[in-house]
Amino acid sequence: MLLVDDQDLYREGLRTLLSTRPDLEVVGEAGNGEEALRLAAALQPDVVLMDLRMPVMDGATTTHRLLGQRPTCRVIMLSTFDDADSRAQGLNAGATSYLLKDTSLEDLVKAIRAAVCAA
């Protein structure tokens, strides 16, 4: 799994929490969309946890480009924005699901496992 978020602390927290699950492995982290595309090409993750709003390249644009290169990859969009436009932006870009960043760890893990099964 690749973690993509411009906030270092949030990425580090996700990595730490997800590392408690033996069936989940974080293979890399990126702080913006351009870095995410480079890492995804090199690391070939099955799932990407993608922040919607980031500098350099936003999550929707990154998701669209990533899925153009790797259509079997699954993207879970994470955001603090709980409005219809943001949700539509993420899902229309091809994200498998759209979760708020305050979702529970259990719900995030369920979404990741579901995305893996859908791949």
Protein backbone atom coordinates (compact mmCIF):
# COMPACT_ATOMS: atom_id res chain seq x y z
CA MET A 1 0.00 0.00 0.00
CA LEU A 2 1.18 3.51 -0.81
CA LEU A 3 0.28 6.43 1.49
CA VAL A 4 -0.11 9.82 -0.20
CA ASP A 5 -0.69 12.90 1.94
CA ASP A 6 1.05 16.25 2.21
CA GLN A 7 0.94 16.16 6.03
CA ASP A 8 3.91 14.20 7.36
CA LEU A 9 2.37 13.59 10.77
CA TYR A 10 -0.84 12.17 9.27
CA ARG A 11 1.15 9.83 6.98
CA GLU A 12 3.36 8.68 9.84
CA GLY A 13 0.30 8.08 12.03
CA LEU A 14 -1.39 6.04 9.32
CA ARG A 15 1.75 3.97 8.77
CA THR A 16 2.04 3.29 12.50
CA LEU A 17 -1.61 2.32 12.88
CA LEU A 18 -1.68 0.14 9.77
CA SER A 19 1.53 -1.63 10.80
CA THR A 20 -0.45 -3.26 13.63
CA ARG A 21 -2.31 -5.29 11.00
CA PRO A 22 -0.21 -8.28 9.87
CA ASP A 23 -2.02 -8.57 6.54
CA LEU A 24 -1.37 -4.93 5.54
CA GLU A 25 1.97 -3.59 4.37
CA VAL A 26 2.89 0.03 3.64
CA VAL A 27 5.48 -0.05 0.85
CA GLY A 28 5.96 3.71 0.47
CA GLU A 29 4.88 7.24 1.24
CA ALA A 30 4.54 10.35 -0.89
CA GLY A 31 3.89 13.98 0.02
CA ASN A 32 2.31 15.06 -3.28
CA GLY A 33 0.79 13.67 -6.45
CA GLU A 34 3.89 13.83 -8.64
CA GLU A 35 5.91 11.91 -6.07
CA ALA A 36 3.04 9.42 -5.75
CA LEU A 37 3.06 8.69 -9.49
CA ARG A 38 6.83 8.06 -9.44
CA LEU A 39 6.60 5.78 -6.42
CA ALA A 40 3.55 3.91 -7.72
CA ALA A 41 5.41 3.13 -10.96
CA ALA A 42 8.40 1.83 -9.01
CA LEU A 43 6.63 0.05 -6.15
CA GLN A 44 3.48 -1.25 -7.91
CA PRO A 45 1.16 -1.05 -4.86
CA ASP A 46 -2.21 -2.79 -4.96
CA VAL A 47 -3.85 0.00 -2.95
CA VAL A 48 -3.14 3.72 -2.58
CA LEU A 49 -4.53 5.83 0.24
CA MET A 50 -4.78 9.24 -1.43
CA ASP A 51 -5.37 12.66 0.09
CA LEU A 52 -7.77 14.74 -2.03
CA ARG A 53 -6.22 18.18 -1.49
CA MET A 54 -2.44 18.44 -1.87
CA PRO A 55 0.06 20.88 -3.36
CA VAL A 56 1.84 20.20 -6.68
CA MET A 57 -0.87 17.78 -7.92
CA ASP A 58 -4.18 17.12 -6.18
CA GLY A 59 -5.49 13.67 -5.35
CA ALA A 60 -8.16 13.58 -8.04
CA THR A 61 -5.70 14.39 -10.84
CA THR A 62 -3.17 11.95 -9.40
CA THR A 63 -5.79 9.21 -9.14
CA HIS A 64 -6.91 9.74 -12.74
CA ARG A 65 -3.32 9.56 -14.02
CA LEU A 66 -2.39 6.63 -11.80
CA LEU A 67 -5.35 4.55 -12.94
CA GLY A 68 -4.53 5.40 -16.55
CA GLN A 69 -1.12 3.79 -15.98
CA ARG A 70 -2.21 1.01 -13.61
CA PRO A 71 -5.93 0.26 -14.02
CA THR A 72 -5.84 -2.63 -11.53
CA CYS A 73 -4.61 -0.41 -8.69
CA ARG A 74 -7.27 0.60 -6.16
CA VAL A 75 -7.37 4.11 -4.70
CA ILE A 76 -9.09 5.03 -1.47
CA MET A 77 -9.56 8.77 -1.29
CA LEU A 78 -9.12 10.33 2.15
CA SER A 79 -10.22 13.86 2.92
CA THR A 80 -11.33 16.26 5.59
CA PHE A 81 -13.93 17.63 3.16
CA ASP A 82 -17.39 16.15 3.67
CA ASP A 83 -19.26 17.81 0.81
CA ALA A 84 -20.86 16.41 -2.33
CA ASP A 85 -18.47 18.21 -4.71
CA SER A 86 -15.34 16.84 -3.02
CA ARG A 87 -16.80 13.35 -2.84
CA ALA A 88 -17.78 13.49 -6.53
CA GLN A 89 -14.34 14.81 -7.46
CA GLY A 90 -12.63 11.82 -5.82
CA LEU A 91 -15.03 9.17 -7.04
CA ASN A 92 -15.23 10.56 -10.59
CA ALA A 93 -11.43 10.37 -10.77
CA GLY A 94 -11.76 6.62 -10.21
CA ALA A 95 -11.34 6.16 -6.46
CA THR A 96 -12.81 2.92 -5.16
CA SER A 97 -14.11 4.70 -2.07
CA TYR A 98 -14.08 8.08 -0.35
CA LEU A 99 -13.50 8.23 3.39
CA LEU A 100 -13.18 11.10 5.79
CA LYS A 101 -9.89 11.37 7.64
CA ASP A 102 -11.71 11.04 10.96
CA THR A 103 -13.01 7.58 10.05
CA SER A 104 -12.21 4.82 12.52
CA LEU A 105 -9.22 2.58 12.00
CA GLU A 106 -11.55 -0.41 11.74
CA ASP A 107 -13.56 1.21 8.93
CA LEU A 108 -10.37 2.17 7.08
CA VAL A 109 -9.01 -1.37 7.38
CA LYS A 110 -12.32 -2.77 6.09
CA ALA A 111 -12.16 -0.41 3.09
CA ILE A 112 -8.56 -1.43 2.36
CA ARG A 113 -9.40 -5.13 2.56
CA ALA A 114 -12.46 -4.62 0.34
CA ALA A 115 -10.32 -2.76 -2.21
CA VAL A 116 -7.77 -5.57 -2.24
CA CYS A 117 -10.54 -8.11 -2.85
CA ALA A 118 -11.89 -5.99 -5.71
CA ALA A 119 -8.49 -5.84 -7.42
